[in-house]
């Protein structure tokens, strides 16, 4: 029972980590597209209902911690 729960928890943590990375990458892509369209990152951040980190901060989040 405990092994099954631990295995499920490990799998969920891995999925959450993968989803987090996908969201970060998508946000970087959106910022690049906005910049290409002439929208400054600061403008995009001001228009967003949720906080958007700076592109360099987002890329730092993807680097493995170690």
PDB file of N, CA and C in Angstrom:
ATOM      1  N   UNK A   1       0.832  -1.194   0.000  1.00  0.00           N
ATOM      2  CA  UNK A   1       0.000   0.000   0.000  1.00  0.00           C
ATOM      3  C   UNK A   1       0.873   1.253   0.000  1.00  0.00           C
ATOM      4  N   UNK A   2       1.845   1.293   0.882  1.00  0.00           N
ATOM      5  CA  UNK A   2       2.709   2.468   0.977  1.00  0.00           C
ATOM      6  C   UNK A   2       3.548   2.636  -0.276  1.00  0.00           C
ATOM      7  N   UNK A   3       4.026   1.506  -0.838  1.00  0.00           N
ATOM      8  CA  UNK A   3       4.825   1.575  -2.056  1.00  0.00           C
ATOM      9  C   UNK A   3       4.007   2.134  -3.213  1.00  0.00           C
ATOM     10  N   UNK A   4       2.734   1.728  -3.306  1.00  0.00           N
ATOM     11  CA  UNK A   4       1.854   2.217  -4.361  1.00  0.00           C
ATOM     12  C   UNK A   4       1.626   3.721  -4.213  1.00  0.00           C
ATOM     13  N   UNK A   5       1.406   4.163  -2.997  1.00  0.00           N
ATOM     14  CA  UNK A   5       1.199   5.587  -2.737  1.00  0.00           C
ATOM     15  C   UNK A   5       2.455   6.383  -3.053  1.00  0.00           C
ATOM     16  N   UNK A   6       3.593   5.871  -2.655  1.00  0.00           N
ATOM     17  CA  UNK A   6       4.869   6.545  -2.930  1.00  0.00           C
ATOM     18  C   UNK A   6       5.123   6.616  -4.427  1.00  0.00           C
ATOM     19  N   UNK A   7       4.835   5.532  -5.118  1.00  0.00           N
ATOM     20  CA  UNK A   7       5.024   5.501  -6.571  1.00  0.00           C
ATOM     21  C   UNK A   7       4.110   6.514  -7.264  1.00  0.00           C
ATOM     22  N   UNK A   8       2.864   6.576  -6.828  1.00  0.00           N
ATOM     23  CA  UNK A   8       1.923   7.536  -7.414  1.00  0.00           C
ATOM     24  C   UNK A   8       2.356   8.969  -7.133  1.00  0.00           C
ATOM     25  N   UNK A   9       2.828   9.221  -5.925  1.00  0.00           N
ATOM     26  CA  UNK A   9       3.300  10.557  -5.565  1.00  0.00           C
ATOM     27  C   UNK A   9       4.512  10.948  -6.405  1.00  0.00           C
ATOM     28  N   UNK A  10       5.445  10.023  -6.580  1.00  0.00           N
ATOM     29  CA  UNK A  10       6.623  10.284  -7.414  1.00  0.00           C
ATOM     30  C   UNK A  10       6.212  10.606  -8.849  1.00  0.00           C
ATOM     31  N   UNK A  11       5.261   9.844  -9.367  1.00  0.00           N
ATOM     32  CA  UNK A  11       4.790  10.064 -10.734  1.00  0.00           C
ATOM     33  C   UNK A  11       4.120  11.435 -10.858  1.00  0.00           C
ATOM     34  N   UNK A  12       3.304  11.796  -9.884  1.00  0.00           N
ATOM     35  CA  UNK A  12       2.646  13.103  -9.900  1.00  0.00           C
ATOM     36  C   UNK A  12       3.655  14.243  -9.816  1.00  0.00           C
ATOM     37  N   UNK A  13       4.665  14.079  -8.981  1.00  0.00           N
ATOM     38  CA  UNK A  13       5.697  15.110  -8.869  1.00  0.00           C
ATOM     39  C   UNK A  13       6.443  15.278 -10.188  1.00  0.00           C
ATOM     40  N   UNK A  14       6.701  14.171 -10.874  1.00  0.00           N
ATOM     41  CA  UNK A  14       7.376  14.234 -12.166  1.00  0.00           C
ATOM     42  C   UNK A  14       6.487  14.949 -13.194  1.00  0.00           C
ATOM     43  N   UNK A  15       5.195  14.634 -13.192  1.00  0.00           N
ATOM     44  CA  UNK A  15       4.268  15.272 -14.122  1.00  0.00           C
ATOM     45  C   UNK A  15       4.155  16.770 -13.849  1.00  0.00           C
ATOM     46  N   UNK A  16       4.091  17.149 -12.597  1.00  0.00           N
ATOM     47  CA  UNK A  16       4.023  18.567 -12.238  1.00  0.00           C
ATOM     48  C   UNK A  16       5.281  19.284 -12.697  1.00  0.00           C
ATOM     49  N   UNK A  17       6.420  18.658 -12.524  1.00  0.00           N
ATOM     50  CA  UNK A  17       7.684  19.247 -12.956  1.00  0.00           C
ATOM     51  C   UNK A  17       7.698  19.442 -14.471  1.00  0.00           C
ATOM     52  N   UNK A  18       7.219  18.443 -15.204  1.00  0.00           N
ATOM     53  CA  UNK A  18       7.169  18.548 -16.664  1.00  0.00           C
ATOM     54  C   UNK A  18       6.207  19.650 -17.100  1.00  0.00           C
ATOM     55  N   UNK A  19       5.051  19.734 -16.453  1.00  0.00           N
ATOM     56  CA  UNK A  19       4.085  20.786 -16.783  1.00  0.00           C
ATOM     57  C   UNK A  19       4.657  22.169 -16.495  1.00  0.00           C
ATOM     58  N   UNK A  20       5.368  22.293 -15.402  1.00  0.00           N
ATOM     59  CA  UNK A  20       5.996  23.566 -15.032  1.00  0.00           C
ATOM     60  C   UNK A  20       6.991  23.999 -16.101  1.00  0.00           C
ATOM     61  N   UNK A  21       7.809  23.053 -16.560  1.00  0.00           N
ATOM     62  CA  UNK A  21       8.780  23.362 -17.609  1.00  0.00           C
ATOM     63  C   UNK A  21       8.086  23.775 -18.896  1.00  0.00           C
ATOM     64  N   UNK A  22       6.989  23.093 -19.248  1.00  0.00           N
ATOM     65  CA  UNK A  22       6.252  23.447 -20.460  1.00  0.00           C
ATOM     66  C   UNK A  22       5.681  24.855 -20.363  1.00  0.00           C
ATOM     67  N   UNK A  23       5.147  25.205 -19.209  1.00  0.00           N
ATOM     68  CA  UNK A  23       4.584  26.546 -19.019  1.00  0.00           C
ATOM     69  C   UNK A  23       5.673  27.605 -19.131  1.00  0.00           C
ATOM     70  N   UNK A  24       6.824  27.341 -18.550  1.00  0.00           N
ATOM     71  CA  UNK A  24       7.936  28.294 -18.628  1.00  0.00           C
ATOM     72  C   UNK A  24       8.356  28.489 -20.084  1.00  0.00           C
ATOM     73  N   UNK A  25       8.503  27.395 -20.817  1.00  0.00           N
ATOM     74  CA  UNK A  25       8.911  27.481 -22.223  1.00  0.00           C
ATOM     75  C   UNK A  25       7.855  28.225 -23.041  1.00  0.00           C
ATOM     76  N   UNK A  26       6.582  27.933 -22.813  1.00  0.00           N
ATOM     77  CA  UNK A  26       5.513  28.623 -23.534  1.00  0.00           C
ATOM     78  C   UNK A  26       5.507  30.113 -23.217  1.00  0.00           C
ATOM     79  N   UNK A  27       5.775  30.469 -21.980  1.00  0.00           N
ATOM     80  CA  UNK A  27       5.817  31.876 -21.597  1.00  0.00           C
ATOM     81  C   UNK A  27       6.963  32.592 -22.293  1.00  0.00           C
ATOM     82  N   UNK A  28       8.115  31.944 -22.372  1.00  0.00           N
ATOM     83  CA  UNK A  28       9.261  32.536 -23.074  1.00  0.00           C
ATOM     84  C   UNK A  28       8.916  32.730 -24.550  1.00  0.00           C
ATOM     85  N   UNK A  29       8.265  31.745 -25.153  1.00  0.00           N
ATOM     86  CA  UNK A  29       7.874  31.856 -26.560  1.00  0.00           C
ATOM     87  C   UNK A  29       6.888  33.007 -26.743  1.00  0.00           C
ATOM     88  N   UNK A  30       5.894  33.110 -25.864  1.00  0.00           N
ATOM     89  CA  UNK A  30       4.929  34.213 -25.954  1.00  0.00           C
ATOM     90  C   UNK A  30       5.611  35.569 -25.814  1.00  0.00           C
ATOM     91  N   UNK A  31       6.571  35.663 -24.905  1.00  0.00           N
ATOM     92  CA  UNK A  31       7.293  36.923 -24.738  1.00  0.00           C
ATOM     93  C   UNK A  31       8.085  37.255 -25.997  1.00  0.00           C
ATOM     94  N   UNK A  32       8.685  36.251 -26.623  1.00  0.00           N
ATOM     95  CA  UNK A  32       9.441  36.484 -27.855  1.00  0.00           C
ATOM     96  C   UNK A  32       8.511  36.937 -28.977  1.00  0.00           C
ATOM     97  N   UNK A  33       7.348  36.300 -29.092  1.00  0.00           N
ATOM     98  CA  UNK A  33       6.380  36.703 -30.114  1.00  0.00           C
ATOM     99  C   UNK A  33       5.857  38.115 -29.859  1.00  0.00           C
ATOM    100  N   UNK A  34       5.596  38.432 -28.604  1.00  0.00           N
ATOM    101  CA  UNK A  34       5.124  39.774 -28.261  1.00  0.00           C
ATOM    102  C   UNK A  34       6.183  40.809 -28.607  1.00  0.00           C
ATOM    103  N   UNK A  35       7.423  40.503 -28.303  1.00  0.00           N
ATOM    104  CA  UNK A  35       8.520  41.416 -28.614  1.00  0.00           C
ATOM    105  C   UNK A  35       8.631  41.614 -30.129  1.00  0.00           C
ATOM    106  N   UNK A  36       8.490  40.526 -30.873  1.00  0.00           N
ATOM    107  CA  UNK A  36       8.540  40.600 -32.343  1.00  0.00           C
ATOM    108  C   UNK A  36       7.392  41.464 -32.870  1.00  0.00           C
ATOM    109  N   UNK A  37       6.250  41.435 -32.184  1.00  0.00           N
ATOM    110  CA  UNK A  37       5.088  42.234 -32.583  1.00  0.00           C
ATOM    111  C   UNK A  37       5.181  43.668 -32.076  1.00  0.00           C
ATOM    112  N   UNK A  38       6.256  43.982 -31.370  1.00  0.00           N
ATOM    113  CA  UNK A  38       6.452  45.344 -30.885  1.00  0.00           C
ATOM    114  C   UNK A  38       5.895  45.605 -29.496  1.00  0.00           C
ATOM    115  N   UNK A  39       5.578  44.539 -28.782  1.00  0.00           N
ATOM    116  CA  UNK A  39       5.054  44.688 -27.417  1.00  0.00           C
ATOM    117  C   UNK A  39       6.198  44.423 -26.448  1.00  0.00           C
ATOM    118  N   UNK A  40       6.537  45.421 -25.669  1.00  0.00           N
ATOM    119  CA  UNK A  40       7.637  45.285 -24.710  1.00  0.00           C
ATOM    120  C   UNK A  40       7.250  44.303 -23.605  1.00  0.00           C
ATOM    121  N   UNK A  41       8.231  43.557 -23.074  1.00  0.00           N
ATOM    122  CA  UNK A  41       7.934  42.623 -21.977  1.00  0.00           C
ATOM    123  C   UNK A  41       7.250  43.307 -20.792  1.00  0.00           C
ATOM    124  N   UNK A  42       7.626  44.552 -20.511  1.00  0.00           N
ATOM    125  CA  UNK A  42       7.016  45.270 -19.392  1.00  0.00           C
ATOM    126  C   UNK A  42       5.527  45.521 -19.654  1.00  0.00           C
ATOM    127  N   UNK A  43       5.174  45.812 -20.902  1.00  0.00           N
ATOM    128  CA  UNK A  43       3.772  46.026 -21.263  1.00  0.00           C
ATOM    129  C   UNK A  43       2.994  44.733 -21.111  1.00  0.00           C
ATOM    130  N   UNK A  44       3.588  43.646 -21.574  1.00  0.00           N
ATOM    131  CA  UNK A  44       2.938  42.342 -21.458  1.00  0.00           C
ATOM    132  C   UNK A  44       2.734  41.971 -19.991  1.00  0.00           C
ATOM    133  N   UNK A  45       3.743  42.245 -19.168  1.00  0.00           N
ATOM    134  CA  UNK A  45       3.632  41.944 -17.740  1.00  0.00           C
ATOM    135  C   UNK A  45       2.536  42.787 -17.097  1.00  0.00           C
ATOM    136  N   UNK A  46       2.422  44.051 -17.511  1.00  0.00           N
ATOM    137  CA  UNK A  46       1.414  44.940 -16.936  1.00  0.00           C
ATOM    138  C   UNK A  46       0.001  44.507 -17.329  1.00  0.00           C
ATOM    139  N   UNK A  47      -0.153  43.920 -18.516  1.00  0.00           N
ATOM    140  CA  UNK A  47      -1.474  43.506 -19.000  1.00  0.00           C
ATOM    141  C   UNK A  47      -1.900  42.149 -18.449  1.00  0.00           C
ATOM    142  N   UNK A  48      -0.955  41.382 -17.946  1.00  0.00           N
ATOM    143  CA  UNK A  48      -1.251  40.025 -17.497  1.00  0.00           C
ATOM    144  C   UNK A  48      -1.939  40.012 -16.127  1.00  0.00           C
ATOM    145  N   UNK A  49      -2.956  39.151 -15.979  1.00  0.00           N
ATOM    146  CA  UNK A  49      -3.614  39.040 -14.670  1.00  0.00           C
ATOM    147  C   UNK A  49      -2.768  38.284 -13.643  1.00  0.00           C
ATOM    148  N   UNK A  50      -1.741  37.579 -14.116  1.00  0.00           N
ATOM    149  CA  UNK A  50      -0.830  36.866 -13.215  1.00  0.00           C
ATOM    150  C   UNK A  50       0.581  37.397 -13.421  1.00  0.00           C
ATOM    151  N   UNK A  51       1.418  37.354 -12.396  1.00  0.00           N
ATOM    152  CA  UNK A  51       2.791  37.845 -12.553  1.00  0.00           C
ATOM    153  C   UNK A  51       3.569  37.019 -13.583  1.00  0.00           C
ATOM    154  N   UNK A  52       4.299  37.716 -14.447  1.00  0.00           N
ATOM    155  CA  UNK A  52       5.150  37.059 -15.439  1.00  0.00           C
ATOM    156  C   UNK A  52       6.588  37.451 -15.133  1.00  0.00           C
ATOM    157  N   UNK A  53       7.428  36.487 -14.815  1.00  0.00           N
ATOM    158  CA  UNK A  53       8.835  36.810 -14.548  1.00  0.00           C
ATOM    159  C   UNK A  53       9.546  37.309 -15.807  1.00  0.00           C
ATOM    160  N   UNK A  54      10.656  37.985 -15.603  1.00  0.00           N
ATOM    161  CA  UNK A  54      11.500  38.428 -16.716  1.00  0.00           C
ATOM    162  C   UNK A  54      11.986  37.195 -17.481  1.00  0.00           C
ATOM    163  N   UNK A  55      12.248  37.323 -18.804  1.00  0.00           N
ATOM    164  CA  UNK A  55      12.723  36.165 -19.579  1.00  0.00           C
ATOM    165  C   UNK A  55      13.974  35.513 -18.991  1.00  0.00           C
ATOM    166  N   UNK A  56      14.900  36.308 -18.508  1.00  0.00           N
ATOM    167  CA  UNK A  56      16.124  35.714 -17.938  1.00  0.00           C
ATOM    168  C   UNK A  56      15.807  34.909 -16.677  1.00  0.00           C
ATOM    169  N   UNK A  57      14.836  35.381 -15.889  1.00  0.00           N
ATOM    170  CA  UNK A  57      14.425  34.639 -14.696  1.00  0.00           C
ATOM    171  C   UNK A  57      13.761  33.319 -15.087  1.00  0.00           C
ATOM    172  N   UNK A  58      12.961  33.365 -16.152  1.00  0.00           N
ATOM    173  CA  UNK A  58      12.303  32.144 -16.616  1.00  0.00           C
ATOM    174  C   UNK A  58      13.331  31.113 -17.064  1.00  0.00           C
ATOM    175  N   UNK A  59      14.324  31.558 -17.818  1.00  0.00           N
ATOM    176  CA  UNK A  59      15.348  30.629 -18.295  1.00  0.00           C
ATOM    177  C   UNK A  59      16.152  30.063 -17.125  1.00  0.00           C
ATOM    178  N   UNK A  60      16.390  30.872 -16.115  1.00  0.00           N
ATOM    179  CA  UNK A  60      17.114  30.395 -14.934  1.00  0.00           C
ATOM    180  C   UNK A  60      16.311  29.309 -14.216  1.00  0.00           C
ATOM    181  N   UNK A  61      14.974  29.409 -14.275  1.00  0.00           N
ATOM    182  CA  UNK A  61      14.126  28.407 -13.635  1.00  0.00           C
ATOM    183  C   UNK A  61      14.264  27.041 -14.301  1.00  0.00           C
ATOM    184  N   UNK A  62      14.631  27.030 -15.581  1.00  0.00           N
ATOM    185  CA  UNK A  62      14.761  25.765 -16.301  1.00  0.00           C
ATOM    186  C   UNK A  62      16.081  25.062 -16.021  1.00  0.00           C
ATOM    187  N   UNK A  63      17.073  25.801 -15.562  1.00  0.00           N
ATOM    188  CA  UNK A  63      18.383  25.200 -15.302  1.00  0.00           C
ATOM    189  C   UNK A  63      18.290  24.249 -14.119  1.00  0.00           C
ATOM    190  N   UNK A  64      18.917  23.088 -14.243  1.00  0.00           N
ATOM    191  CA  UNK A  64      18.887  22.150 -13.118  1.00  0.00           C
ATOM    192  C   UNK A  64      19.575  22.737 -11.896  1.00  0.00           C
ATOM    193  N   UNK A  65      18.968  22.479 -10.766  1.00  0.00           N
ATOM    194  CA  UNK A  65      19.564  22.950  -9.513  1.00  0.00           C
ATOM    195  C   UNK A  65      20.589  21.925  -9.069  1.00  0.00           C
ATOM    196  N   UNK A  66      21.740  22.431  -8.650  1.00  0.00           N
ATOM    197  CA  UNK A  66      22.738  21.457  -8.225  1.00  0.00           C
ATOM    198  C   UNK A  66      23.945  22.061  -7.633  1.00  0.00           C
TER     199      UNK A  66
END
